[in-house]
mmCIF file of all heavy atoms, coordinates in Angstrom:
data_MODEL
# 
_entry.id   MODEL 
# 
loop_
_atom_site.group_PDB 
_atom_site.id 
_atom_site.type_symbol 
_atom_site.label_atom_id 
_atom_site.label_alt_id 
_atom_site.label_comp_id 
_atom_site.label_asym_id 
_atom_site.label_entity_id 
_atom_site.label_seq_id 
_atom_site.pdbx_PDB_ins_code 
_atom_site.Cartn_x 
_atom_site.Cartn_y 
_atom_site.Cartn_z 
_atom_site.occupancy 
_atom_site.B_iso_or_equiv 
_atom_site.pdbx_formal_charge 
_atom_site.auth_seq_id 
_atom_site.auth_comp_id 
_atom_site.auth_asym_id 
_atom_site.auth_atom_id 
_atom_site.pdbx_PDB_model_num 
ATOM 1   N N   . GLU A 1 1  ? 267.238 -342.383 -38.209 1.00 0.00 ? 1  GLU A N   1 
ATOM 2   C CA  . GLU A 1 1  ? 266.741 -343.729 -38.565 1.00 0.00 ? 1  GLU A CA  1 
ATOM 3   C C   . GLU A 1 1  ? 266.371 -344.419 -37.273 1.00 0.00 ? 1  GLU A C   1 
ATOM 4   O O   . GLU A 1 1  ? 267.191 -344.487 -36.351 1.00 0.00 ? 1  GLU A O   1 
ATOM 5   C CB  . GLU A 1 1  ? 267.833 -344.530 -39.285 1.00 0.00 ? 1  GLU A CB  1 
ATOM 6   C CG  . GLU A 1 1  ? 268.114 -344.087 -40.717 1.00 0.00 ? 1  GLU A CG  1 
ATOM 7   C CD  . GLU A 1 1  ? 266.973 -344.434 -41.674 1.00 0.00 ? 1  GLU A CD  1 
ATOM 8   O OE1 . GLU A 1 1  ? 266.241 -345.386 -41.382 1.00 0.00 ? 1  GLU A OE1 1 
ATOM 9   O OE2 . GLU A 1 1  ? 266.815 -343.723 -42.694 1.00 0.00 ? 1  GLU A OE2 1 
ATOM 10  N N   . PRO A 1 2  ? 265.165 -344.971 -37.182 1.00 0.00 ? 2  PRO A N   1 
ATOM 11  C CA  . PRO A 1 2  ? 264.807 -345.656 -35.930 1.00 0.00 ? 2  PRO A CA  1 
ATOM 12  C C   . PRO A 1 2  ? 265.638 -346.909 -35.645 1.00 0.00 ? 2  PRO A C   1 
ATOM 13  O O   . PRO A 1 2  ? 265.847 -347.279 -34.493 1.00 0.00 ? 2  PRO A O   1 
ATOM 14  C CB  . PRO A 1 2  ? 263.327 -346.002 -36.104 1.00 0.00 ? 2  PRO A CB  1 
ATOM 15  C CG  . PRO A 1 2  ? 263.066 -345.928 -37.541 1.00 0.00 ? 2  PRO A CG  1 
ATOM 16  C CD  . PRO A 1 2  ? 264.047 -344.960 -38.142 1.00 0.00 ? 2  PRO A CD  1 
ATOM 17  N N   . GLY A 1 3  ? 266.122 -347.556 -36.716 1.00 0.00 ? 3  GLY A N   1 
ATOM 18  C CA  . GLY A 1 3  ? 266.902 -348.772 -36.532 1.00 0.00 ? 3  GLY A CA  1 
ATOM 19  C C   . GLY A 1 3  ? 266.065 -350.024 -36.578 1.00 0.00 ? 3  GLY A C   1 
ATOM 20  O O   . GLY A 1 3  ? 264.850 -349.978 -36.768 1.00 0.00 ? 3  GLY A O   1 
ATOM 21  N N   . ASP A 1 4  ? 266.718 -351.171 -36.339 1.00 0.00 ? 4  ASP A N   1 
ATOM 22  C CA  . ASP A 1 4  ? 265.981 -352.452 -36.369 1.00 0.00 ? 4  ASP A CA  1 
ATOM 23  C C   . ASP A 1 4  ? 265.302 -352.695 -35.032 1.00 0.00 ? 4  ASP A C   1 
ATOM 24  O O   . ASP A 1 4  ? 265.937 -352.602 -33.982 1.00 0.00 ? 4  ASP A O   1 
ATOM 25  C CB  . ASP A 1 4  ? 266.966 -353.616 -36.649 1.00 0.00 ? 4  ASP A CB  1 
ATOM 26  C CG  . ASP A 1 4  ? 267.606 -353.455 -38.041 1.00 0.00 ? 4  ASP A CG  1 
ATOM 27  O OD1 . ASP A 1 4  ? 266.907 -352.986 -38.942 1.00 0.00 ? 4  ASP A OD1 1 
ATOM 28  O OD2 . ASP A 1 4  ? 268.800 -353.770 -38.169 1.00 0.00 ? 4  ASP A OD2 1 
ATOM 29  N N   . PRO A 1 5  ? 263.991 -353.044 -35.079 1.00 0.00 ? 5  PRO A N   1 
ATOM 30  C CA  . PRO A 1 5  ? 263.249 -353.242 -33.831 1.00 0.00 ? 5  PRO A CA  1 
ATOM 31  C C   . PRO A 1 5  ? 263.857 -354.329 -32.950 1.00 0.00 ? 5  PRO A C   1 
ATOM 32  O O   . PRO A 1 5  ? 264.200 -355.397 -33.400 1.00 0.00 ? 5  PRO A O   1 
ATOM 33  C CB  . PRO A 1 5  ? 261.864 -353.646 -34.292 1.00 0.00 ? 5  PRO A CB  1 
ATOM 34  C CG  . PRO A 1 5  ? 261.735 -353.156 -35.699 1.00 0.00 ? 5  PRO A CG  1 
ATOM 35  C CD  . PRO A 1 5  ? 263.129 -353.207 -36.269 1.00 0.00 ? 5  PRO A CD  1 
ATOM 36  N N   . ASN A 1 6  ? 264.037 -353.989 -31.688 1.00 0.00 ? 6  ASN A N   1 
ATOM 37  C CA  . ASN A 1 6  ? 264.403 -354.987 -30.654 1.00 0.00 ? 6  ASN A CA  1 
ATOM 38  C C   . ASN A 1 6  ? 263.955 -354.414 -29.325 1.00 0.00 ? 6  ASN A C   1 
ATOM 39  O O   . ASN A 1 6  ? 263.343 -353.340 -29.274 1.00 0.00 ? 6  ASN A O   1 
ATOM 40  C CB  . ASN A 1 6  ? 265.896 -355.277 -30.709 1.00 0.00 ? 6  ASN A CB  1 
ATOM 41  C CG  . ASN A 1 6  ? 266.761 -354.049 -30.425 1.00 0.00 ? 6  ASN A CG  1 
ATOM 42  O OD1 . ASN A 1 6  ? 266.811 -353.586 -29.322 1.00 0.00 ? 6  ASN A OD1 1 
ATOM 43  N ND2 . ASN A 1 6  ? 267.372 -353.531 -31.487 1.00 0.00 ? 6  ASN A ND2 1 
ATOM 44  N N   . CYS A 1 7  ? 264.238 -355.137 -28.256 1.00 0.00 ? 7  CYS A N   1 
ATOM 45  C CA  . CYS A 1 7  ? 263.690 -354.719 -26.937 1.00 0.00 ? 7  CYS A CA  1 
ATOM 46  C C   . CYS A 1 7  ? 264.559 -353.715 -26.196 1.00 0.00 ? 7  CYS A C   1 
ATOM 47  O O   . CYS A 1 7  ? 264.291 -353.350 -25.066 1.00 0.00 ? 7  CYS A O   1 
ATOM 48  C CB  . CYS A 1 7  ? 263.423 -355.948 -26.071 1.00 0.00 ? 7  CYS A CB  1 
ATOM 49  S SG  . CYS A 1 7  ? 264.936 -356.834 -25.691 1.00 0.00 ? 7  CYS A SG  1 
ATOM 50  N N   . ARG A 1 8  ? 265.618 -353.262 -26.882 1.00 0.00 ? 8  ARG A N   1 
ATOM 51  C CA  . ARG A 1 8  ? 266.501 -352.289 -26.224 1.00 0.00 ? 8  ARG A CA  1 
ATOM 52  C C   . ARG A 1 8  ? 266.542 -350.979 -27.031 1.00 0.00 ? 8  ARG A C   1 
ATOM 53  O O   . ARG A 1 8  ? 266.647 -351.009 -28.264 1.00 0.00 ? 8  ARG A O   1 
ATOM 54  C CB  . ARG A 1 8  ? 267.892 -352.890 -26.158 1.00 0.00 ? 8  ARG A CB  1 
ATOM 55  C CG  . ARG A 1 8  ? 268.788 -352.285 -25.074 1.00 0.00 ? 8  ARG A CG  1 
ATOM 56  C CD  . ARG A 1 8  ? 269.967 -353.228 -24.812 1.00 0.00 ? 8  ARG A CD  1 
ATOM 57  N NE  . ARG A 1 8  ? 270.907 -352.661 -23.876 1.00 0.00 ? 8  ARG A NE  1 
ATOM 58  C CZ  . ARG A 1 8  ? 270.730 -352.594 -22.564 1.00 0.00 ? 8  ARG A CZ  1 
ATOM 59  N NH1 . ARG A 1 8  ? 269.619 -353.060 -22.050 1.00 0.00 ? 8  ARG A NH1 1 
ATOM 60  N NH2 . ARG A 1 8  ? 271.631 -352.055 -21.770 1.00 0.00 ? 8  ARG A NH2 1 
ATOM 61  N N   . ILE A 1 9  ? 266.399 -349.854 -26.331 1.00 0.00 ? 9  ILE A N   1 
ATOM 62  C CA  . ILE A 1 9  ? 266.442 -348.568 -27.074 1.00 0.00 ? 9  ILE A CA  1 
ATOM 63  C C   . ILE A 1 9  ? 267.626 -347.738 -26.634 1.00 0.00 ? 9  ILE A C   1 
ATOM 64  O O   . ILE A 1 9  ? 268.177 -347.889 -25.542 1.00 0.00 ? 9  ILE A O   1 
ATOM 65  C CB  . ILE A 1 9  ? 265.118 -347.774 -26.903 1.00 0.00 ? 9  ILE A CB  1 
ATOM 66  C CG1 . ILE A 1 9  ? 264.794 -347.537 -25.454 1.00 0.00 ? 9  ILE A CG1 1 
ATOM 67  C CG2 . ILE A 1 9  ? 263.993 -348.439 -27.630 1.00 0.00 ? 9  ILE A CG2 1 
ATOM 68  C CD1 . ILE A 1 9  ? 263.607 -346.630 -25.217 1.00 0.00 ? 9  ILE A CD1 1 
ATOM 69  N N   . TYR A 1 10 ? 268.016 -346.875 -27.566 1.00 0.00 ? 10 TYR A N   1 
ATOM 70  C CA  . TYR A 1 10 ? 269.168 -345.986 -27.377 1.00 0.00 ? 10 TYR A CA  1 
ATOM 71  C C   . TYR A 1 10 ? 268.640 -344.558 -27.378 1.00 0.00 ? 10 TYR A C   1 
ATOM 72  O O   . TYR A 1 10 ? 267.888 -344.166 -28.261 1.00 0.00 ? 10 TYR A O   1 
ATOM 73  C CB  . TYR A 1 10 ? 270.158 -346.252 -28.527 1.00 0.00 ? 10 TYR A CB  1 
ATOM 74  C CG  . TYR A 1 10 ? 271.229 -345.192 -28.704 1.00 0.00 ? 10 TYR A CG  1 
ATOM 75  C CD1 . TYR A 1 10 ? 272.190 -344.976 -27.713 1.00 0.00 ? 10 TYR A CD1 1 
ATOM 76  C CD2 . TYR A 1 10 ? 271.262 -344.436 -29.886 1.00 0.00 ? 10 TYR A CD2 1 
ATOM 77  C CE1 . TYR A 1 10 ? 273.155 -344.014 -27.901 1.00 0.00 ? 10 TYR A CE1 1 
ATOM 78  C CE2 . TYR A 1 10 ? 272.260 -343.467 -30.079 1.00 0.00 ? 10 TYR A CE2 1 
ATOM 79  C CZ  . TYR A 1 10 ? 273.192 -343.268 -29.085 1.00 0.00 ? 10 TYR A CZ  1 
ATOM 80  O OH  . TYR A 1 10 ? 274.163 -342.312 -29.236 1.00 0.00 ? 10 TYR A OH  1 
ATOM 81  N N   . VAL A 1 11 ? 269.022 -343.799 -26.369 1.00 0.00 ? 11 VAL A N   1 
ATOM 82  C CA  . VAL A 1 11 ? 268.570 -342.418 -26.237 1.00 0.00 ? 11 VAL A CA  1 
ATOM 83  C C   . VAL A 1 11 ? 269.801 -341.493 -26.222 1.00 0.00 ? 11 VAL A C   1 
ATOM 84  O O   . VAL A 1 11 ? 270.750 -341.746 -25.490 1.00 0.00 ? 11 VAL A O   1 
ATOM 85  C CB  . VAL A 1 11 ? 267.760 -342.196 -24.943 1.00 0.00 ? 11 VAL A CB  1 
ATOM 86  C CG1 . VAL A 1 11 ? 267.178 -340.795 -24.866 1.00 0.00 ? 11 VAL A CG1 1 
ATOM 87  C CG2 . VAL A 1 11 ? 266.627 -343.226 -24.842 1.00 0.00 ? 11 VAL A CG2 1 
ATOM 88  N N   . LYS A 1 12 ? 269.753 -340.448 -27.052 1.00 0.00 ? 12 LYS A N   1 
ATOM 89  C CA  . LYS A 1 12 ? 270.881 -339.475 -27.042 1.00 0.00 ? 12 LYS A CA  1 
ATOM 90  C C   . LYS A 1 12 ? 270.342 -338.058 -26.984 1.00 0.00 ? 12 LYS A C   1 
ATOM 91  O O   . LYS A 1 12 ? 269.150 -337.828 -26.990 1.00 0.00 ? 12 LYS A O   1 
ATOM 92  C CB  . LYS A 1 12 ? 271.774 -339.729 -28.263 1.00 0.00 ? 12 LYS A CB  1 
ATOM 93  C CG  . LYS A 1 12 ? 271.147 -339.425 -29.606 1.00 0.00 ? 12 LYS A CG  1 
ATOM 94  C CD  . LYS A 1 12 ? 272.166 -339.643 -30.730 1.00 0.00 ? 12 LYS A CD  1 
ATOM 95  C CE  . LYS A 1 12 ? 271.523 -339.296 -32.075 1.00 0.00 ? 12 LYS A CE  1 
ATOM 96  N NZ  . LYS A 1 12 ? 272.463 -339.492 -33.193 1.00 0.00 ? 12 LYS A NZ  1 
ATOM 97  N N   . ASN A 1 13 ? 271.313 -337.099 -26.953 1.00 0.00 ? 13 ASN A N   1 
ATOM 98  C CA  . ASN A 1 13 ? 270.966 -335.683 -26.801 1.00 0.00 ? 13 ASN A CA  1 
ATOM 99  C C   . ASN A 1 13 ? 270.315 -335.382 -25.453 1.00 0.00 ? 13 ASN A C   1 
ATOM 100 O O   . ASN A 1 13 ? 269.372 -334.586 -25.356 1.00 0.00 ? 13 ASN A O   1 
ATOM 101 C CB  . ASN A 1 13 ? 270.066 -335.204 -27.942 1.00 0.00 ? 13 ASN A CB  1 
ATOM 102 C CG  . ASN A 1 13 ? 270.103 -333.683 -28.099 1.00 0.00 ? 13 ASN A CG  1 
ATOM 103 O OD1 . ASN A 1 13 ? 271.151 -333.078 -27.997 1.00 0.00 ? 13 ASN A OD1 1 
ATOM 104 N ND2 . ASN A 1 13 ? 268.948 -333.034 -28.301 1.00 0.00 ? 13 ASN A ND2 1 
ATOM 105 N N   . LEU A 1 14 ? 270.818 -336.061 -24.413 1.00 0.00 ? 14 LEU A N   1 
ATOM 106 C CA  . LEU A 1 14 ? 270.286 -335.850 -23.078 1.00 0.00 ? 14 LEU A CA  1 
ATOM 107 C C   . LEU A 1 14 ? 271.021 -334.701 -22.399 1.00 0.00 ? 14 LEU A C   1 
ATOM 108 O O   . LEU A 1 14 ? 272.239 -334.557 -22.535 1.00 0.00 ? 14 LEU A O   1 
ATOM 109 C CB  . LEU A 1 14 ? 270.409 -337.119 -22.219 1.00 0.00 ? 14 LEU A CB  1 
ATOM 110 C CG  . LEU A 1 14 ? 269.585 -338.300 -22.669 1.00 0.00 ? 14 LEU A CG  1 
ATOM 111 C CD1 . LEU A 1 14 ? 269.974 -339.527 -21.870 1.00 0.00 ? 14 LEU A CD1 1 
ATOM 112 C CD2 . LEU A 1 14 ? 268.077 -338.027 -22.479 1.00 0.00 ? 14 LEU A CD2 1 
ATOM 113 N N   . ALA A 1 15 ? 270.296 -333.877 -21.680 1.00 0.00 ? 15 ALA A N   1 
ATOM 114 C CA  . ALA A 1 15 ? 270.912 -332.749 -20.937 1.00 0.00 ? 15 ALA A CA  1 
ATOM 115 C C   . ALA A 1 15 ? 271.746 -333.293 -19.800 1.00 0.00 ? 15 ALA A C   1 
ATOM 116 O O   . ALA A 1 15 ? 271.494 -334.376 -19.305 1.00 0.00 ? 15 ALA A O   1 
ATOM 117 C CB  . ALA A 1 15 ? 269.812 -331.832 -20.421 1.00 0.00 ? 15 ALA A CB  1 
ATOM 118 N N   . LYS A 1 16 ? 272.730 -332.506 -19.362 1.00 0.00 ? 16 LYS A N   1 
ATOM 119 C CA  . LYS A 1 16 ? 273.601 -333.022 -18.311 1.00 0.00 ? 16 LYS A CA  1 
ATOM 120 C C   . LYS A 1 16 ? 272.912 -333.176 -16.970 1.00 0.00 ? 16 LYS A C   1 
ATOM 121 O O   . LYS A 1 16 ? 273.361 -333.959 -16.118 1.00 0.00 ? 16 LYS A O   1 
ATOM 122 C CB  . LYS A 1 16 ? 274.841 -332.094 -18.175 1.00 0.00 ? 16 LYS A CB  1 
ATOM 123 C CG  . LYS A 1 16 ? 274.527 -330.648 -17.813 1.00 0.00 ? 16 LYS A CG  1 
ATOM 124 C CD  . LYS A 1 16 ? 275.787 -329.809 -17.762 1.00 0.00 ? 16 LYS A CD  1 
ATOM 125 C CE  . LYS A 1 16 ? 275.454 -328.362 -17.484 1.00 0.00 ? 16 LYS A CE  1 
ATOM 126 N NZ  . LYS A 1 16 ? 276.659 -327.509 -17.558 1.00 0.00 ? 16 LYS A NZ  1 
ATOM 127 N N   . GLN A 1 17 ? 271.752 -332.497 -16.817 1.00 0.00 ? 17 GLN A N   1 
ATOM 128 C CA  . GLN A 1 17 ? 271.028 -332.637 -15.531 1.00 0.00 ? 17 GLN A CA  1 
ATOM 129 C C   . GLN A 1 17 ? 270.252 -333.960 -15.437 1.00 0.00 ? 17 GLN A C   1 
ATOM 130 O O   . GLN A 1 17 ? 269.781 -334.328 -14.377 1.00 0.00 ? 17 GLN A O   1 
ATOM 131 C CB  . GLN A 1 17 ? 269.977 -331.510 -15.360 1.00 0.00 ? 17 GLN A CB  1 
ATOM 132 C CG  . GLN A 1 17 ? 270.496 -330.107 -15.420 1.00 0.00 ? 17 GLN A CG  1 
ATOM 133 C CD  . GLN A 1 17 ? 270.295 -329.502 -16.787 1.00 0.00 ? 17 GLN A CD  1 
ATOM 134 O OE1 . GLN A 1 17 ? 270.748 -330.063 -17.798 1.00 0.00 ? 17 GLN A OE1 1 
ATOM 135 N NE2 . GLN A 1 17 ? 269.607 -328.355 -16.894 1.00 0.00 ? 17 GLN A NE2 1 
ATOM 136 N N   . VAL A 1 18 ? 270.082 -334.641 -16.572 1.00 0.00 ? 18 VAL A N   1 
ATOM 137 C CA  . VAL A 1 18 ? 269.261 -335.861 -16.584 1.00 0.00 ? 18 VAL A CA  1 
ATOM 138 C C   . VAL A 1 18 ? 269.851 -336.947 -15.689 1.00 0.00 ? 18 VAL A C   1 
ATOM 139 O O   . VAL A 1 18 ? 271.043 -337.202 -15.713 1.00 0.00 ? 18 VAL A O   1 
ATOM 140 C CB  . VAL A 1 18 ? 269.102 -336.390 -18.051 1.00 0.00 ? 18 VAL A CB  1 
ATOM 141 C CG1 . VAL A 1 18 ? 268.398 -337.730 -18.035 1.00 0.00 ? 18 VAL A CG1 1 
ATOM 142 C CG2 . VAL A 1 18 ? 268.328 -335.395 -18.892 1.00 0.00 ? 18 VAL A CG2 1 
ATOM 143 N N   . GLN A 1 19 ? 268.964 -337.535 -14.890 1.00 0.00 ? 19 GLN A N   1 
ATOM 144 C CA  . GLN A 1 19 ? 269.383 -338.641 -14.010 1.00 0.00 ? 19 GLN A CA  1 
ATOM 145 C C   . GLN A 1 19 ? 268.567 -339.885 -14.389 1.00 0.00 ? 19 GLN A C   1 
ATOM 146 O O   . GLN A 1 19 ? 267.559 -339.794 -15.104 1.00 0.00 ? 19 GLN A O   1 
ATOM 147 C CB  . GLN A 1 19 ? 269.147 -338.274 -12.565 1.00 0.00 ? 19 GLN A CB  1 
ATOM 148 C CG  . GLN A 1 19 ? 269.993 -337.108 -12.079 1.00 0.00 ? 19 GLN A CG  1 
ATOM 149 C CD  . GLN A 1 19 ? 269.672 -336.732 -10.637 1.00 0.00 ? 19 GLN A CD  1 
ATOM 150 O OE1 . GLN A 1 19 ? 269.082 -337.498 -9.885  1.00 0.00 ? 19 GLN A OE1 1 
ATOM 151 N NE2 . GLN A 1 19 ? 270.056 -335.510 -10.246 1.00 0.00 ? 19 GLN A NE2 1 
ATOM 152 N N   . GLU A 1 20 ? 269.014 -341.016 -13.830 1.00 0.00 ? 20 GLU A N   1 
ATOM 153 C CA  . GLU A 1 20 ? 268.269 -342.274 -14.131 1.00 0.00 ? 20 GLU A CA  1 
ATOM 154 C C   . GLU A 1 20 ? 266.812 -342.187 -13.735 1.00 0.00 ? 20 GLU A C   1 
ATOM 155 O O   . GLU A 1 20 ? 265.955 -342.735 -14.415 1.00 0.00 ? 20 GLU A O   1 
ATOM 156 C CB  . GLU A 1 20 ? 268.940 -343.458 -13.434 1.00 0.00 ? 20 GLU A CB  1 
ATOM 157 C CG  . GLU A 1 20 ? 270.238 -343.900 -14.124 1.00 0.00 ? 20 GLU A CG  1 
ATOM 158 C CD  . GLU A 1 20 ? 270.768 -345.206 -13.569 1.00 0.00 ? 20 GLU A CD  1 
ATOM 159 O OE1 . GLU A 1 20 ? 270.029 -345.939 -12.848 1.00 0.00 ? 20 GLU A OE1 1 
ATOM 160 O OE2 . GLU A 1 20 ? 271.936 -345.515 -13.845 1.00 0.00 ? 20 GLU A OE2 1 
ATOM 161 N N   . LYS A 1 21 ? 266.520 -341.514 -12.631 1.00 0.00 ? 21 LYS A N   1 
ATOM 162 C CA  . LYS A 1 21 ? 265.123 -341.428 -12.171 1.00 0.00 ? 21 LYS A CA  1 
ATOM 163 C C   . LYS A 1 21 ? 264.256 -340.709 -13.216 1.00 0.00 ? 21 LYS A C   1 
ATOM 164 O O   . LYS A 1 21 ? 263.056 -340.966 -13.346 1.00 0.00 ? 21 LYS A O   1 
ATOM 165 C CB  . LYS A 1 21 ? 265.019 -340.753 -10.791 1.00 0.00 ? 21 LYS A CB  1 
ATOM 166 C CG  . LYS A 1 21 ? 265.454 -339.317 -10.764 1.00 0.00 ? 21 LYS A CG  1 
ATOM 167 C CD  . LYS A 1 21 ? 265.246 -338.696 -9.392  1.00 0.00 ? 21 LYS A CD  1 
ATOM 168 C CE  . LYS A 1 21 ? 265.625 -337.209 -9.409  1.00 0.00 ? 21 LYS A CE  1 
ATOM 169 N NZ  . LYS A 1 21 ? 265.433 -336.579 -8.105  1.00 0.00 ? 21 LYS A NZ  1 
ATOM 170 N N   . ASP A 1 22 ? 264.864 -339.735 -13.935 1.00 0.00 ? 22 ASP A N   1 
ATOM 171 C CA  . ASP A 1 22 ? 264.103 -338.996 -14.980 1.00 0.00 ? 22 ASP A CA  1 
ATOM 172 C C   . ASP A 1 22 ? 263.725 -339.962 -16.105 1.00 0.00 ? 22 ASP A C   1 
ATOM 173 O O   . ASP A 1 22 ? 262.625 -339.908 -16.652 1.00 0.00 ? 22 ASP A O   1 
ATOM 174 C CB  . ASP A 1 22 ? 264.927 -337.840 -15.532 1.00 0.00 ? 22 ASP A CB  1 
ATOM 175 C CG  . ASP A 1 22 ? 265.299 -336.816 -14.465 1.00 0.00 ? 22 ASP A CG  1 
ATOM 176 O OD1 . ASP A 1 22 ? 264.379 -336.439 -13.705 1.00 0.00 ? 22 ASP A OD1 1 
ATOM 177 O OD2 . ASP A 1 22 ? 266.468 -336.433 -14.377 1.00 0.00 ? 22 ASP A OD2 1 
ATOM 178 N N   . LEU A 1 23 ? 264.684 -340.816 -16.475 1.00 0.00 ? 23 LEU A N   1 
ATOM 179 C CA  . LEU A 1 23 ? 264.425 -341.782 -17.538 1.00 0.00 ? 23 LEU A CA  1 
ATOM 180 C C   . LEU A 1 23 ? 263.433 -342.842 -17.102 1.00 0.00 ? 23 LEU A C   1 
ATOM 181 O O   . LEU A 1 23 ? 262.615 -343.314 -17.868 1.00 0.00 ? 23 LEU A O   1 
ATOM 182 C CB  . LEU A 1 23 ? 265.749 -342.404 -18.016 1.00 0.00 ? 23 LEU A CB  1 
ATOM 183 C CG  . LEU A 1 23 ? 266.746 -341.423 -18.642 1.00 0.00 ? 23 LEU A CG  1 
ATOM 184 C CD1 . LEU A 1 23 ? 268.062 -342.112 -18.929 1.00 0.00 ? 23 LEU A CD1 1 
ATOM 185 C CD2 . LEU A 1 23 ? 266.180 -340.802 -19.917 1.00 0.00 ? 23 LEU A CD2 1 
ATOM 186 N N   . LYS A 1 24 ? 263.547 -343.216 -15.811 1.00 0.00 ? 24 LYS A N   1 
ATOM 187 C CA  . LYS A 1 24 ? 262.599 -344.196 -15.275 1.00 0.00 ? 24 LYS A CA  1 
ATOM 188 C C   . LYS A 1 24 ? 261.167 -343.624 -15.271 1.00 0.00 ? 24 LYS A C   1 
ATOM 189 O O   . LYS A 1 24 ? 260.201 -344.326 -15.563 1.00 0.00 ? 24 LYS A O   1 
ATOM 190 C CB  . LYS A 1 24 ? 262.984 -344.605 -13.852 1.00 0.00 ? 24 LYS A CB  1 
ATOM 191 C CG  . LYS A 1 24 ? 262.127 -345.741 -13.307 1.00 0.00 ? 24 LYS A CG  1 
ATOM 192 C CD  . LYS A 1 24 ? 262.494 -346.122 -11.875 1.00 0.00 ? 24 LYS A CD  1 
ATOM 193 C CE  . LYS A 1 24 ? 261.580 -347.236 -11.387 1.00 0.00 ? 24 LYS A CE  1 
ATOM 194 N NZ  . LYS A 1 24 ? 261.867 -347.655 -10.005 1.00 0.00 ? 24 LYS A NZ  1 
ATOM 195 N N   . PHE A 1 25 ? 261.063 -342.324 -14.984 1.00 0.00 ? 25 PHE A N   1 
ATOM 196 C CA  . PHE A 1 25 ? 259.782 -341.634 -14.946 1.00 0.00 ? 25 PHE A CA  1 
ATOM 197 C C   . PHE A 1 25 ? 259.116 -341.701 -16.326 1.00 0.00 ? 25 PHE A C   1 
ATOM 198 O O   . PHE A 1 25 ? 257.882 -341.828 -16.439 1.00 0.00 ? 25 PHE A O   1 
ATOM 199 C CB  . PHE A 1 25 ? 259.978 -340.168 -14.489 1.00 0.00 ? 25 PHE A CB  1 
ATOM 200 C CG  . PHE A 1 25 ? 258.732 -339.349 -14.527 1.00 0.00 ? 25 PHE A CG  1 
ATOM 201 C CD1 . PHE A 1 25 ? 257.698 -339.605 -13.654 1.00 0.00 ? 25 PHE A CD1 1 
ATOM 202 C CD2 . PHE A 1 25 ? 258.584 -338.277 -15.398 1.00 0.00 ? 25 PHE A CD2 1 
ATOM 203 C CE1 . PHE A 1 25 ? 256.543 -338.837 -13.652 1.00 0.00 ? 25 PHE A CE1 1 
ATOM 204 C CE2 . PHE A 1 25 ? 257.442 -337.505 -15.419 1.00 0.00 ? 25 PHE A CE2 1 
ATOM 205 C CZ  . PHE A 1 25 ? 256.413 -337.797 -14.541 1.00 0.00 ? 25 PHE A CZ  1 
# 
């Protein structure tokens, strides 16, 4: 379910190698 629209998003199922710079990219 996408959820109720707002300006903040939630991301899950990220690999352990993921860093903040990857998400910023």
